[in-house]
Amino acid sequence: MYIINDIYEYILEVNKSKFIGTIFKVNNILDFNNMMNFIKDKYPKATHYVYAYRFINEFKSSDDGEPGGTSGMPIFNVIDKENLFNTAIIVVRYFGGVKLGAGGLVRAYSKCASNLIDDSRKSLLLEGYECDISFKYDEISTIDNLVNSTKCKVIEKKFGETVQYNLIISNGDIDKFNKYNLEKIKNTYLEI
C-alpha cells in the first residue's frame, strides 16, 4: 500500500478540452471536502468536477455530469491499480466544444490520473499499531537505536520517573518492543 506525500497538479489538453487534475493525500472526508471547495473556488467556471478517492476501508467516485462510467471510475481504477490509499484525485474539465465520446473521456481522465501519480512522490503505508512503551533512562540509547533500525515512528516522548515513548510500530517490528512494557493503543498505519 502507498500514500501520496504532497499535492500535485497536471494539465492535459484533448481536442480543445482542458483537464486539470489534482492529486492529494486525504485522511478523512473533511479533508476531501475542503480540497473540493478550494478547487471549485480556484476553477469556478469549469464544466465538470470529476473525482475519485480511496481511504483504507472506503472509496467513492463521481462523474459529475459526464456520461456514466467515463470519468470517476477510470480515475478510481488508476488509484486502485497503483495500490494507493488515503488518496484523492479531482479532475476539472473545461469543455472545448468537441465531444470526445465515451472512449475519449475514459482515455483523457485515465491519462490525467496516471500522469498525476507518475509525477508524485509516494510513501509506503504499512499496517501497525500506535503503542506506548516505558523504560528506564539508561535504556534510551538502546531504544533510540531500535527505533532507528525498525519501521516505526516516534510521536511523542515523555520524561518522568521513567521514559515513555508513544510510537507507531509496523506489525513486523512489534515483537522487538515487547519487553519494554508495550501497550497497544489502536490499529493504525505507518507511513514510510
N, C-alpha and C. Protein backbone atom coordinates (compact mmCIF):
# COMPACT_ATOMS: atom_id res chain seq x y z
N MET A 1 0.85 -1.18 0.00
CA MET A 1 0.00 0.00 0.00
C MET A 1 0.89 1.24 0.00
N TYR A 2 0.42 2.26 -0.71
CA TYR A 2 1.17 3.51 -0.81
C TYR A 2 0.26 4.69 -0.53
N ILE A 3 0.90 5.82 -0.25
CA ILE A 3 0.18 7.06 0.01
C ILE A 3 0.93 8.19 -0.69
N ILE A 4 0.20 9.20 -1.14
CA ILE A 4 0.79 10.37 -1.79
C ILE A 4 1.33 11.31 -0.71
N ASN A 5 2.50 11.91 -0.96
CA ASN A 5 3.12 12.77 0.05
C ASN A 5 2.64 14.22 0.00
N ASP A 6 2.42 14.76 -1.18
CA ASP A 6 2.10 16.18 -1.32
C ASP A 6 0.95 16.37 -2.30
N ILE A 7 0.71 17.61 -2.64
CA ILE A 7 -0.32 17.96 -3.63
C ILE A 7 0.39 18.17 -4.98
N TYR A 8 -0.14 17.55 -6.02
CA TYR A 8 0.42 17.70 -7.35
C TYR A 8 -0.69 18.05 -8.33
N GLU A 9 -0.30 18.78 -9.38
CA GLU A 9 -1.27 19.19 -10.39
C GLU A 9 -0.72 18.82 -11.76
N TYR A 10 -1.63 18.48 -12.68
CA TYR A 10 -1.25 18.13 -14.04
C TYR A 10 -2.32 18.67 -14.98
N ILE A 11 -1.91 19.23 -16.12
CA ILE A 11 -2.84 19.78 -17.11
C ILE A 11 -2.71 18.99 -18.41
N LEU A 12 -3.86 18.59 -18.95
CA LEU A 12 -3.92 17.82 -20.19
C LEU A 12 -4.92 18.49 -21.11
N GLU A 13 -4.55 18.68 -22.37
CA GLU A 13 -5.49 19.22 -23.36
C GLU A 13 -5.78 18.14 -24.40
N VAL A 14 -7.08 17.93 -24.65
CA VAL A 14 -7.52 16.94 -25.64
C VAL A 14 -8.64 17.57 -26.46
N ASN A 15 -8.41 17.75 -27.77
CA ASN A 15 -9.43 18.32 -28.67
C ASN A 15 -10.12 19.55 -28.10
N LYS A 16 -9.31 20.50 -27.66
CA LYS A 16 -9.76 21.80 -27.14
C LYS A 16 -10.36 21.74 -25.74
N SER A 17 -10.54 20.55 -25.17
CA SER A 17 -10.97 20.45 -23.77
C SER A 17 -9.73 20.46 -22.90
N LYS A 18 -9.85 21.16 -21.76
CA LYS A 18 -8.73 21.25 -20.83
C LYS A 18 -9.09 20.47 -19.57
N PHE A 19 -8.21 19.53 -19.19
CA PHE A 19 -8.38 18.72 -17.99
C PHE A 19 -7.29 19.13 -17.00
N ILE A 20 -7.70 19.59 -15.83
CA ILE A 20 -6.74 20.00 -14.79
C ILE A 20 -6.93 19.06 -13.60
N GLY A 21 -5.93 18.23 -13.38
CA GLY A 21 -6.02 17.24 -12.31
C GLY A 21 -5.21 17.63 -11.10
N THR A 22 -5.72 17.27 -9.94
CA THR A 22 -5.02 17.48 -8.68
C THR A 22 -5.07 16.18 -7.88
N ILE A 23 -3.93 15.75 -7.39
CA ILE A 23 -3.86 14.57 -6.53
C ILE A 23 -3.37 15.02 -5.17
N PHE A 24 -3.93 14.43 -4.10
CA PHE A 24 -3.55 14.86 -2.76
C PHE A 24 -3.86 13.77 -1.75
N LYS A 25 -3.23 13.88 -0.62
CA LYS A 25 -3.42 12.96 0.50
C LYS A 25 -4.67 13.39 1.27
N VAL A 26 -5.49 12.41 1.65
CA VAL A 26 -6.68 12.69 2.47
C VAL A 26 -6.72 11.70 3.63
N ASN A 27 -7.06 12.20 4.80
CA ASN A 27 -7.21 11.33 5.96
C ASN A 27 -8.67 11.06 6.30
N ASN A 28 -9.55 11.90 5.77
CA ASN A 28 -10.98 11.76 6.07
C ASN A 28 -11.79 12.55 5.06
N ILE A 29 -13.09 12.43 5.13
CA ILE A 29 -13.97 13.10 4.18
C ILE A 29 -13.90 14.62 4.31
N LEU A 30 -13.61 15.12 5.50
CA LEU A 30 -13.47 16.56 5.70
C LEU A 30 -12.30 17.10 4.88
N ASP A 31 -11.16 16.38 4.90
CA ASP A 31 -10.01 16.78 4.06
C ASP A 31 -10.42 16.86 2.60
N PHE A 32 -11.15 15.84 2.14
CA PHE A 32 -11.58 15.82 0.74
C PHE A 32 -12.50 16.99 0.44
N ASN A 33 -13.51 17.22 1.27
CA ASN A 33 -14.46 18.31 1.03
C ASN A 33 -13.78 19.67 1.03
N ASN A 34 -12.80 19.87 1.92
CA ASN A 34 -12.06 21.13 1.94
C ASN A 34 -11.32 21.36 0.64
N MET A 35 -10.68 20.31 0.13
CA MET A 35 -9.94 20.45 -1.14
C MET A 35 -10.91 20.66 -2.30
N MET A 36 -12.04 19.96 -2.30
CA MET A 36 -13.02 20.15 -3.37
C MET A 36 -13.51 21.60 -3.39
N ASN A 37 -13.79 22.15 -2.22
CA ASN A 37 -14.23 23.55 -2.15
C ASN A 37 -13.13 24.49 -2.65
N PHE A 38 -11.88 24.20 -2.29
CA PHE A 38 -10.76 25.01 -2.76
C PHE A 38 -10.66 24.97 -4.28
N ILE A 39 -10.79 23.78 -4.86
CA ILE A 39 -10.67 23.63 -6.31
C ILE A 39 -11.85 24.31 -7.02
N LYS A 40 -13.04 24.19 -6.46
CA LYS A 40 -14.19 24.87 -7.07
C LYS A 40 -14.02 26.39 -7.03
N ASP A 41 -13.41 26.90 -5.97
CA ASP A 41 -13.12 28.34 -5.90
C ASP A 41 -12.02 28.73 -6.88
N LYS A 42 -11.04 27.86 -7.05
CA LYS A 42 -9.91 28.13 -7.95
C LYS A 42 -10.32 28.07 -9.42
N TYR A 43 -11.25 27.15 -9.75
CA TYR A 43 -11.70 26.96 -11.13
C TYR A 43 -13.23 27.09 -11.17
N PRO A 44 -13.75 28.29 -10.95
CA PRO A 44 -15.20 28.43 -10.79
C PRO A 44 -16.02 28.21 -12.06
N LYS A 45 -15.40 28.30 -13.22
CA LYS A 45 -16.16 28.17 -14.46
C LYS A 45 -15.94 26.83 -15.16
N ALA A 46 -15.38 25.86 -14.44
CA ALA A 46 -15.16 24.53 -15.03
C ALA A 46 -16.51 23.88 -15.32
N THR A 47 -16.54 23.06 -16.34
CA THR A 47 -17.76 22.36 -16.74
C THR A 47 -18.06 21.18 -15.83
N HIS A 48 -17.01 20.47 -15.41
CA HIS A 48 -17.17 19.27 -14.58
C HIS A 48 -16.09 19.24 -13.50
N TYR A 49 -16.46 18.70 -12.33
CA TYR A 49 -15.53 18.45 -11.22
C TYR A 49 -15.61 16.95 -10.91
N VAL A 50 -14.83 16.18 -11.61
CA VAL A 50 -14.86 14.72 -11.51
C VAL A 50 -13.86 14.30 -10.44
N TYR A 51 -14.19 13.25 -9.69
CA TYR A 51 -13.25 12.83 -8.65
C TYR A 51 -13.36 11.34 -8.34
N ALA A 52 -12.30 10.88 -7.65
CA ALA A 52 -12.30 9.56 -7.03
C ALA A 52 -11.38 9.64 -5.82
N TYR A 53 -11.76 8.95 -4.76
CA TYR A 53 -10.86 8.86 -3.61
C TYR A 53 -10.97 7.49 -2.99
N ARG A 54 -9.92 7.14 -2.24
CA ARG A 54 -9.95 5.88 -1.50
C ARG A 54 -9.25 6.06 -0.16
N PHE A 55 -10.00 5.70 0.88
CA PHE A 55 -9.44 5.59 2.22
C PHE A 55 -9.11 4.11 2.43
N ILE A 56 -8.72 3.75 3.62
CA ILE A 56 -8.38 2.36 3.90
C ILE A 56 -9.59 1.45 3.68
N ASN A 57 -10.76 1.86 4.16
CA ASN A 57 -11.95 1.00 4.09
C ASN A 57 -13.09 1.58 3.26
N GLU A 58 -12.83 2.55 2.43
CA GLU A 58 -13.91 3.22 1.70
C GLU A 58 -13.37 3.84 0.41
N PHE A 59 -14.21 3.84 -0.63
CA PHE A 59 -13.86 4.58 -1.83
C PHE A 59 -15.13 5.17 -2.43
N LYS A 60 -14.94 6.19 -3.23
CA LYS A 60 -16.08 6.83 -3.90
C LYS A 60 -15.56 7.51 -5.16
N SER A 61 -16.43 7.58 -6.16
CA SER A 61 -16.09 8.32 -7.38
C SER A 61 -17.34 9.03 -7.88
N SER A 62 -17.12 10.06 -8.68
CA SER A 62 -18.24 10.81 -9.25
C SER A 62 -17.89 11.25 -10.67
N ASP A 63 -18.87 11.08 -11.58
CA ASP A 63 -18.71 11.54 -12.96
C ASP A 63 -19.12 13.00 -13.12
N ASP A 64 -19.81 13.56 -12.16
CA ASP A 64 -20.26 14.95 -12.16
C ASP A 64 -20.80 15.41 -13.52
N GLY A 65 -21.75 14.66 -14.04
CA GLY A 65 -22.42 15.07 -15.27
C GLY A 65 -21.83 14.50 -16.55
N GLU A 66 -20.64 13.93 -16.49
CA GLU A 66 -20.10 13.25 -17.66
C GLU A 66 -20.90 11.95 -17.84
N PRO A 67 -20.91 11.36 -19.03
CA PRO A 67 -21.62 10.09 -19.22
C PRO A 67 -21.16 9.05 -18.19
N GLY A 68 -22.11 8.29 -17.66
CA GLY A 68 -21.85 7.33 -16.60
C GLY A 68 -20.70 6.38 -16.89
N GLY A 69 -19.77 6.28 -15.94
CA GLY A 69 -18.65 5.36 -16.04
C GLY A 69 -17.48 5.83 -16.89
N THR A 70 -17.52 7.07 -17.39
CA THR A 70 -16.46 7.53 -18.29
C THR A 70 -15.38 8.36 -17.61
N SER A 71 -15.56 8.69 -16.33
CA SER A 71 -14.60 9.61 -15.73
C SER A 71 -14.21 9.24 -14.29
N GLY A 72 -15.17 9.21 -13.37
CA GLY A 72 -14.84 8.92 -11.97
C GLY A 72 -14.26 7.53 -11.77
N MET A 73 -14.91 6.51 -12.34
CA MET A 73 -14.40 5.14 -12.18
C MET A 73 -13.06 4.93 -12.89
N PRO A 74 -12.83 5.49 -14.08
CA PRO A 74 -11.49 5.36 -14.66
C PRO A 74 -10.40 5.98 -13.77
N ILE A 75 -10.72 7.09 -13.10
CA ILE A 75 -9.75 7.68 -12.16
C ILE A 75 -9.53 6.72 -10.99
N PHE A 76 -10.64 6.20 -10.43
CA PHE A 76 -10.51 5.25 -9.32
C PHE A 76 -9.70 4.03 -9.73
N ASN A 77 -9.93 3.52 -10.94
CA ASN A 77 -9.20 2.34 -11.40
C ASN A 77 -7.70 2.57 -11.43
N VAL A 78 -7.27 3.79 -11.76
CA VAL A 78 -5.84 4.11 -11.75
C VAL A 78 -5.33 4.15 -10.31
N ILE A 79 -6.09 4.75 -9.40
CA ILE A 79 -5.72 4.78 -7.98
C ILE A 79 -5.57 3.34 -7.47
N ASP A 80 -6.54 2.50 -7.80
CA ASP A 80 -6.54 1.12 -7.35
C ASP A 80 -5.36 0.34 -7.93
N LYS A 81 -5.12 0.51 -9.21
CA LYS A 81 -4.01 -0.20 -9.88
C LYS A 81 -2.67 0.16 -9.24
N GLU A 82 -2.53 1.40 -8.80
CA GLU A 82 -1.27 1.85 -8.19
C GLU A 82 -1.21 1.55 -6.69
N ASN A 83 -2.27 0.90 -6.16
CA ASN A 83 -2.32 0.48 -4.75
C ASN A 83 -2.18 1.67 -3.80
N LEU A 84 -2.88 2.76 -4.12
CA LEU A 84 -2.85 3.98 -3.30
C LEU A 84 -4.03 4.02 -2.34
N PHE A 85 -3.76 4.47 -1.13
CA PHE A 85 -4.79 4.64 -0.11
C PHE A 85 -4.68 6.05 0.45
N ASN A 86 -5.75 6.52 1.09
CA ASN A 86 -5.82 7.88 1.62
C ASN A 86 -5.38 8.88 0.54
N THR A 87 -5.89 8.63 -0.65
CA THR A 87 -5.52 9.41 -1.83
C THR A 87 -6.78 9.84 -2.57
N ALA A 88 -6.78 11.07 -3.05
CA ALA A 88 -7.89 11.58 -3.85
C ALA A 88 -7.35 12.27 -5.10
N ILE A 89 -8.12 12.16 -6.16
CA ILE A 89 -7.83 12.87 -7.40
C ILE A 89 -9.10 13.59 -7.82
N ILE A 90 -8.95 14.88 -8.09
CA ILE A 90 -10.04 15.68 -8.65
C ILE A 90 -9.56 16.19 -9.99
N VAL A 91 -10.37 15.98 -11.03
CA VAL A 91 -10.04 16.50 -12.36
C VAL A 91 -11.17 17.43 -12.78
N VAL A 92 -10.81 18.70 -13.02
CA VAL A 92 -11.80 19.64 -13.54
C VAL A 92 -11.65 19.66 -15.06
N ARG A 93 -12.79 19.80 -15.73
CA ARG A 93 -12.75 19.84 -17.19
C ARG A 93 -13.42 21.12 -17.67
N TYR A 94 -12.71 21.79 -18.56
CA TYR A 94 -13.28 22.90 -19.30
C TYR A 94 -13.60 22.36 -20.70
N PHE A 95 -14.88 22.29 -21.03
CA PHE A 95 -15.31 21.74 -22.31
C PHE A 95 -14.86 22.66 -23.43
N GLY A 96 -14.22 22.06 -24.45
CA GLY A 96 -13.67 22.84 -25.55
C GLY A 96 -14.52 22.88 -26.79
N GLY A 97 -15.74 22.31 -26.74
CA GLY A 97 -16.64 22.37 -27.88
C GLY A 97 -16.63 21.12 -28.75
N VAL A 98 -15.71 20.21 -28.54
CA VAL A 98 -15.64 18.99 -29.33
C VAL A 98 -15.96 17.81 -28.40
N LYS A 99 -16.99 17.03 -28.74
CA LYS A 99 -17.34 15.87 -27.93
C LYS A 99 -16.28 14.79 -28.13
N LEU A 100 -15.85 14.20 -27.04
CA LEU A 100 -14.78 13.21 -27.09
C LEU A 100 -15.29 11.78 -27.19
N GLY A 101 -16.57 11.57 -26.92
CA GLY A 101 -17.12 10.22 -26.91
C GLY A 101 -16.71 9.49 -25.64
N ALA A 102 -17.37 8.39 -25.37
CA ALA A 102 -17.11 7.64 -24.13
C ALA A 102 -15.65 7.18 -24.05
N GLY A 103 -15.15 6.60 -25.12
CA GLY A 103 -13.76 6.13 -25.12
C GLY A 103 -12.76 7.25 -24.93
N GLY A 104 -13.02 8.38 -25.57
CA GLY A 104 -12.13 9.54 -25.44
C GLY A 104 -12.11 10.09 -24.03
N LEU A 105 -13.28 10.11 -23.38
CA LEU A 105 -13.34 10.59 -22.00
C LEU A 105 -12.60 9.64 -21.06
N VAL A 106 -12.82 8.34 -21.23
CA VAL A 106 -12.12 7.35 -20.39
C VAL A 106 -10.61 7.53 -20.54
N ARG A 107 -10.14 7.65 -21.77
CA ARG A 107 -8.70 7.81 -22.01
C ARG A 107 -8.17 9.11 -21.41
N ALA A 108 -8.91 10.21 -21.57
CA ALA A 108 -8.44 11.50 -21.06
C ALA A 108 -8.36 11.51 -19.53
N TYR A 109 -9.43 11.04 -18.87
CA TYR A 109 -9.42 11.04 -17.40
C TYR A 109 -8.39 10.05 -16.85
N SER A 110 -8.28 8.89 -17.49
CA SER A 110 -7.28 7.91 -17.05
C SER A 110 -5.86 8.43 -17.23
N LYS A 111 -5.61 9.08 -18.37
CA LYS A 111 -4.27 9.62 -18.63
C LYS A 111 -3.94 10.72 -17.63
N CYS A 112 -4.89 11.58 -17.34
CA CYS A 112 -4.65 12.66 -16.38
C CYS A 112 -4.30 12.06 -15.02
N ALA A 113 -5.07 11.06 -14.58
CA ALA A 113 -4.81 10.42 -13.29
C ALA A 113 -3.46 9.71 -13.29
N SER A 114 -3.14 8.99 -14.34
CA SER A 114 -1.86 8.27 -14.42
C SER A 114 -0.68 9.23 -14.37
N ASN A 115 -0.77 10.33 -15.11
CA ASN A 115 0.32 11.30 -15.12
C ASN A 115 0.48 11.99 -13.76
N LEU A 116 -0.63 12.24 -13.07
CA LEU A 116 -0.54 12.80 -11.72
C LEU A 116 0.24 11.86 -10.80
N ILE A 117 -0.12 10.58 -10.85
CA ILE A 117 0.54 9.60 -9.98
C ILE A 117 2.01 9.45 -10.36
N ASP A 118 2.31 9.42 -11.66
CA ASP A 118 3.70 9.30 -12.10
C ASP A 118 4.55 10.46 -11.62
N ASP A 119 3.96 11.66 -11.57
CA ASP A 119 4.71 12.86 -11.19
C ASP A 119 4.82 13.04 -9.67
N SER A 120 4.08 12.27 -8.90
CA SER A 120 4.03 12.50 -7.45
C SER A 120 5.00 11.59 -6.70
N ARG A 121 5.35 12.04 -5.49
CA ARG A 121 6.16 11.22 -4.59
C ARG A 121 5.22 10.40 -3.72
N LYS A 122 5.59 9.15 -3.51
CA LYS A 122 4.75 8.25 -2.73
C LYS A 122 5.55 7.69 -1.57
N SER A 123 4.83 7.31 -0.52
CA SER A 123 5.43 6.63 0.63
C SER A 123 4.73 5.30 0.81
N LEU A 124 5.48 4.35 1.38
CA LEU A 124 4.93 3.04 1.71
C LEU A 124 4.04 3.19 2.94
N LEU A 125 2.94 2.49 2.94
CA LEU A 125 1.99 2.52 4.05
C LEU A 125 1.90 1.10 4.61
N LEU A 126 2.35 0.92 5.86
CA LEU A 126 2.37 -0.39 6.49
C LEU A 126 1.35 -0.46 7.62
N GLU A 127 0.76 -1.63 7.78
CA GLU A 127 -0.14 -1.83 8.92
C GLU A 127 0.68 -1.90 10.19
N GLY A 128 0.14 -1.33 11.26
CA GLY A 128 0.86 -1.35 12.53
C GLY A 128 -0.05 -0.97 13.68
N TYR A 129 0.59 -0.57 14.76
CA TYR A 129 -0.12 -0.17 15.97
C TYR A 129 0.45 1.13 16.51
N GLU A 130 -0.42 1.93 17.07
CA GLU A 130 0.05 3.02 17.91
C GLU A 130 0.26 2.40 19.28
N CYS A 131 1.43 2.62 19.86
CA CYS A 131 1.80 1.96 21.12
C CYS A 131 2.45 2.96 22.07
N ASP A 132 2.37 2.64 23.34
CA ASP A 132 3.15 3.31 24.37
C ASP A 132 4.13 2.30 24.92
N ILE A 133 5.39 2.72 25.10
CA ILE A 133 6.36 1.88 25.79
C ILE A 133 6.98 2.72 26.90
N SER A 134 7.38 2.05 27.97
CA SER A 134 8.07 2.75 29.04
C SER A 134 9.32 1.97 29.40
N PHE A 135 10.36 2.70 29.79
CA PHE A 135 11.65 2.08 30.06
C PHE A 135 12.47 3.02 30.94
N LYS A 136 13.61 2.51 31.40
CA LYS A 136 14.49 3.27 32.29
C LYS A 136 15.35 4.23 31.47
N TYR A 137 15.84 5.27 32.15
CA TYR A 137 16.67 6.27 31.49
C TYR A 137 17.93 5.68 30.86
N ASP A 138 18.51 4.66 31.48
CA ASP A 138 19.74 4.10 30.94
C ASP A 138 19.50 3.25 29.69
N GLU A 139 18.23 3.10 29.28
CA GLU A 139 17.90 2.34 28.07
C GLU A 139 17.57 3.25 26.88
N ILE A 140 17.68 4.56 27.07
CA ILE A 140 17.31 5.50 25.98
C ILE A 140 18.08 5.22 24.70
N SER A 141 19.40 5.08 24.78
CA SER A 141 20.17 4.87 23.54
C SER A 141 19.80 3.53 22.90
N THR A 142 19.53 2.50 23.71
CA THR A 142 19.11 1.20 23.17
C THR A 142 17.79 1.34 22.43
N ILE A 143 16.84 2.03 23.04
CA ILE A 143 15.52 2.23 22.41
C ILE A 143 15.66 3.08 21.15
N ASP A 144 16.42 4.16 21.23
CA ASP A 144 16.59 5.01 20.05
C ASP A 144 17.23 4.24 18.90
N ASN A 145 18.20 3.38 19.20
CA ASN A 145 18.81 2.54 18.16
C ASN A 145 17.79 1.57 17.59
N LEU A 146 16.95 1.00 18.45
CA LEU A 146 15.91 0.08 18.00
C LEU A 146 14.90 0.81 17.10
N VAL A 147 14.51 2.00 17.51
CA VAL A 147 13.58 2.81 16.70
C VAL A 147 14.19 3.09 15.33
N ASN A 148 15.46 3.47 15.31
CA ASN A 148 16.12 3.82 14.04
C ASN A 148 16.37 2.62 13.14
N SER A 149 16.40 1.42 13.72
CA SER A 149 16.68 0.22 12.91
C SER A 149 15.41 -0.51 12.49
N THR A 150 14.25 -0.01 12.87
CA THR A 150 12.98 -0.65 12.54
C THR A 150 12.08 0.32 11.80
N LYS A 151 10.94 -0.20 11.39
CA LYS A 151 9.94 0.64 10.72
C LYS A 151 8.97 1.14 11.78
N CYS A 152 9.33 2.23 12.39
CA CYS A 152 8.43 2.84 13.37
C CYS A 152 8.68 4.34 13.41
N LYS A 153 7.78 5.04 14.06
CA LYS A 153 7.84 6.50 14.12
C LYS A 153 7.50 6.94 15.53
N VAL A 154 8.35 7.80 16.10
CA VAL A 154 8.08 8.34 17.42
C VAL A 154 7.12 9.52 17.29
N ILE A 155 6.02 9.44 18.01
CA ILE A 155 5.04 10.52 18.00
C ILE A 155 5.32 11.49 19.14
N GLU A 156 5.63 10.94 20.32
CA GLU A 156 5.84 11.79 21.49
C GLU A 156 6.77 11.08 22.47
N LYS A 157 7.60 11.89 23.17
CA LYS A 157 8.48 11.39 24.22
C LYS A 157 8.13 12.11 25.51
N LYS A 158 8.02 11.34 26.62
CA LYS A 158 7.74 11.92 27.94
C LYS A 158 8.81 11.44 28.91
N PHE A 159 9.27 12.36 29.75
CA PHE A 159 10.30 12.04 30.72
C PHE A 159 9.78 12.32 32.11
N GLY A 160 9.64 11.27 32.89
CA GLY A 160 9.18 11.37 34.27
C GLY A 160 10.02 10.42 35.12
N GLU A 161 9.35 9.63 35.95
CA GLU A 161 10.09 8.62 36.71
C GLU A 161 10.70 7.60 35.77
N THR A 162 10.00 7.33 34.67
CA THR A 162 10.53 6.50 33.58
C THR A 162 10.40 7.30 32.30
N VAL A 163 10.97 6.78 31.24
CA VAL A 163 10.84 7.39 29.92
C VAL A 163 9.67 6.69 29.22
N GLN A 164 8.82 7.47 28.56
CA GLN A 164 7.70 6.91 27.81
C GLN A 164 7.74 7.45 26.39
N TYR A 165 7.63 6.54 25.44
CA TYR A 165 7.54 6.91 24.03
C TYR A 165 6.17 6.47 23.53
N ASN A 166 5.53 7.35 22.78
CA ASN A 166 4.34 6.98 22.02
C ASN A 166 4.83 6.77 20.59
N LEU A 167 4.61 5.57 20.05
CA LEU A 167 5.17 5.17 18.75
C LEU A 167 4.09 4.61 17.84
N ILE A 168 4.35 4.67 16.56
CA ILE A 168 3.64 3.84 15.60
C ILE A 168 4.65 2.81 15.15
N ILE A 169 4.30 1.53 15.35
CA ILE A 169 5.22 0.43 15.07
C ILE A 169 4.57 -0.49 14.04
N SER A 170 5.33 -0.86 13.00
CA SER A 170 4.79 -1.77 11.99
C SER A 170 4.56 -3.14 12.61
N ASN A 171 3.60 -3.88 12.07
CA ASN A 171 3.31 -5.22 12.57
C ASN A 171 4.55 -6.11 12.60
N GLY A 172 5.40 -5.96 11.60
CA GLY A 172 6.60 -6.79 11.51
C GLY A 172 7.63 -6.51 12.58
N ASP A 173 7.55 -5.36 13.22
CA ASP A 173 8.55 -4.98 14.23
C ASP A 173 8.03 -4.99 15.66
N ILE A 174 6.75 -5.25 15.84
CA ILE A 174 6.13 -5.11 17.17
C ILE A 174 6.78 -6.00 18.22
N ASP A 175 7.17 -7.23 17.85
CA ASP A 175 7.75 -8.15 18.82
C ASP A 175 9.07 -7.64 19.40
N LYS A 176 9.78 -6.83 18.66
CA LYS A 176 11.07 -6.31 19.12
C LYS A 176 10.92 -5.34 20.30
N PHE A 177 9.70 -4.85 20.51
CA PHE A 177 9.45 -3.87 21.58
C PHE A 177 8.72 -4.47 22.78
N ASN A 178 8.34 -5.73 22.71
CA ASN A 178 7.51 -6.33 23.75
C ASN A 178 8.09 -6.26 25.16
N LYS A 179 9.39 -6.33 25.32
CA LYS A 179 9.97 -6.35 26.66
C LYS A 179 10.01 -4.97 27.33
N TYR A 180 9.54 -3.93 26.62
CA TYR A 180 9.59 -2.58 27.17
C TYR A 180 8.21 -2.09 27.61
N ASN A 181 7.46 -2.93 28.35
CA ASN A 181 6.14 -2.56 28.87
C ASN A 181 5.25 -2.00 27.74
N LEU A 182 5.20 -2.74 26.65
CA LEU A 182 4.46 -2.32 25.47
C LEU A 182 2.96 -2.34 25.73
N GLU A 183 2.31 -1.25 25.40
CA GLU A 183 0.85 -1.18 25.48
C GLU A 183 0.33 -0.76 24.10
N LYS A 184 -0.42 -1.67 23.46
CA LYS A 184 -1.00 -1.35 22.16
C LYS A 184 -2.23 -0.47 22.38
N ILE A 185 -2.29 0.65 21.68
CA ILE A 185 -3.41 1.57 21.83
C ILE A 185 -4.46 1.32 20.76
N LYS A 186 -4.04 1.28 19.50
CA LYS A 186 -5.00 1.07 18.41
C LYS A 186 -4.28 0.63 17.14
N ASN A 187 -5.02 -0.05 16.27
CA ASN A 187 -4.51 -0.38 14.94
C ASN A 187 -4.39 0.91 14.15
N THR A 188 -3.36 1.02 13.36
CA THR A 188 -3.17 2.22 12.55
C THR A 188 -2.26 1.86 11.37
N TYR A 189 -1.78 2.85 10.68
CA TYR A 189 -0.90 2.65 9.54
C TYR A 189 0.31 3.54 9.69
N LEU A 190 1.44 3.03 9.29
CA LEU A 190 2.70 3.73 9.39
C LEU A 190 3.14 4.15 7.99
N GLU A 191 3.40 5.43 7.83
CA GLU A 191 3.83 5.98 6.55
C GLU A 191 5.35 6.03 6.53
N ILE A 192 5.94 5.31 5.58
CA ILE A 192 7.41 5.27 5.48
C ILE A 192 7.88 5.98 4.23
